[in-house]
Amino acid sequence: MNVILAAIAVYALSMGDAFAYLDPGTGSIIVQGIIGAIAGGLVIGKMYWYKLKNLFSRTKVGDTAKSGR
């Protein structure tokens, strides 16, 4: 097993340049992913903020309908 890993490491280190190309659409996808991650984090933060707020509030979520507020 160690011989195989050593052979893979030697092969990976001896490779030449790839001359890869990233078109402008790739940057757009990366920006969309970052914006989506931020939006998802804000939604999750909002959900937990309301849970935390309800934990310390006097009236619970189901009590507001009974009190008429």
Protein backbone atom coordinates (compact mmCIF):
# COMPACT_ATOMS: atom_id res chain seq x y z
CA MET A 1 0.00 0.00 0.00
CA ASN A 2 2.81 2.43 0.85
CA VAL A 3 4.47 1.70 -2.49
CA ILE A 4 1.28 2.65 -4.33
CA LEU A 5 0.95 5.91 -2.40
CA ALA A 6 4.62 6.72 -3.04
CA ALA A 7 4.17 6.03 -6.77
CA ILE A 8 1.11 8.31 -6.90
CA ALA A 9 3.01 11.07 -5.05
CA VAL A 10 5.99 10.83 -7.43
CA TYR A 11 3.68 10.89 -10.46
CA ALA A 12 1.73 13.90 -9.13
CA LEU A 13 4.89 15.86 -8.39
CA SER A 14 6.43 15.16 -11.79
CA MET A 15 3.53 16.54 -13.85
CA GLY A 16 4.05 19.60 -16.02
CA ASP A 17 1.94 22.73 -16.33
CA ALA A 18 -1.74 22.21 -17.13
CA PHE A 19 -2.41 25.48 -19.00
CA ALA A 20 -5.97 25.44 -17.67
CA TYR A 21 -8.53 28.01 -18.76
CA LEU A 22 -11.27 29.48 -16.59
CA ASP A 23 -13.92 31.33 -18.57
CA PRO A 24 -15.89 34.29 -17.17
CA GLY A 25 -18.84 32.02 -16.35
CA THR A 26 -16.74 30.29 -13.70
CA GLY A 27 -16.31 33.53 -11.76
CA SER A 28 -20.05 34.15 -11.98
CA ILE A 29 -20.80 30.71 -10.54
CA ILE A 30 -18.35 31.31 -7.68
CA VAL A 31 -19.98 34.67 -6.88
CA GLN A 32 -23.46 33.09 -6.97
CA GLY A 33 -22.29 30.36 -4.59
CA ILE A 34 -20.91 32.91 -2.15
CA ILE A 35 -24.13 34.98 -2.26
CA GLY A 36 -26.21 31.82 -1.77
CA ALA A 37 -24.12 30.75 1.21
CA ILE A 38 -24.50 34.19 2.80
CA ALA A 39 -28.28 34.19 2.21
CA GLY A 40 -28.59 30.69 3.67
CA GLY A 41 -26.57 31.70 6.71
CA LEU A 42 -28.80 34.72 7.26
CA VAL A 43 -31.95 32.59 7.08
CA ILE A 44 -30.55 30.08 9.57
CA GLY A 45 -29.44 32.93 11.83
CA LYS A 46 -32.93 34.44 11.69
CA MET A 47 -34.54 31.14 12.64
CA TYR A 48 -32.27 30.68 15.65
CA TRP A 49 -32.65 34.34 16.64
CA TYR A 50 -36.44 33.90 16.89
CA LYS A 51 -35.99 30.69 18.89
CA LEU A 52 -33.62 32.47 21.27
CA LYS A 53 -35.95 35.46 21.52
CA ASN A 54 -38.95 33.24 22.28
CA LEU A 55 -36.95 31.43 24.95
CA PHE A 56 -36.56 34.66 26.95
CA SER A 57 -39.95 36.28 26.17
CA ARG A 58 -42.88 36.24 28.58
CA THR A 59 -45.56 35.17 26.09
CA LYS A 60 -44.97 32.02 24.17
CA VAL A 61 -45.89 31.58 20.50
CA GLY A 62 -49.18 29.74 21.23
CA ASP A 63 -50.22 32.18 24.02
CA THR A 64 -50.68 35.19 21.71
CA ALA A 65 -53.81 33.74 20.11
CA LYS A 66 -55.42 33.11 23.52
CA SER A 67 -54.72 36.58 24.91
CA GLY A 68 -56.17 38.37 21.88
CA ARG A 69 -53.03 40.34 20.94
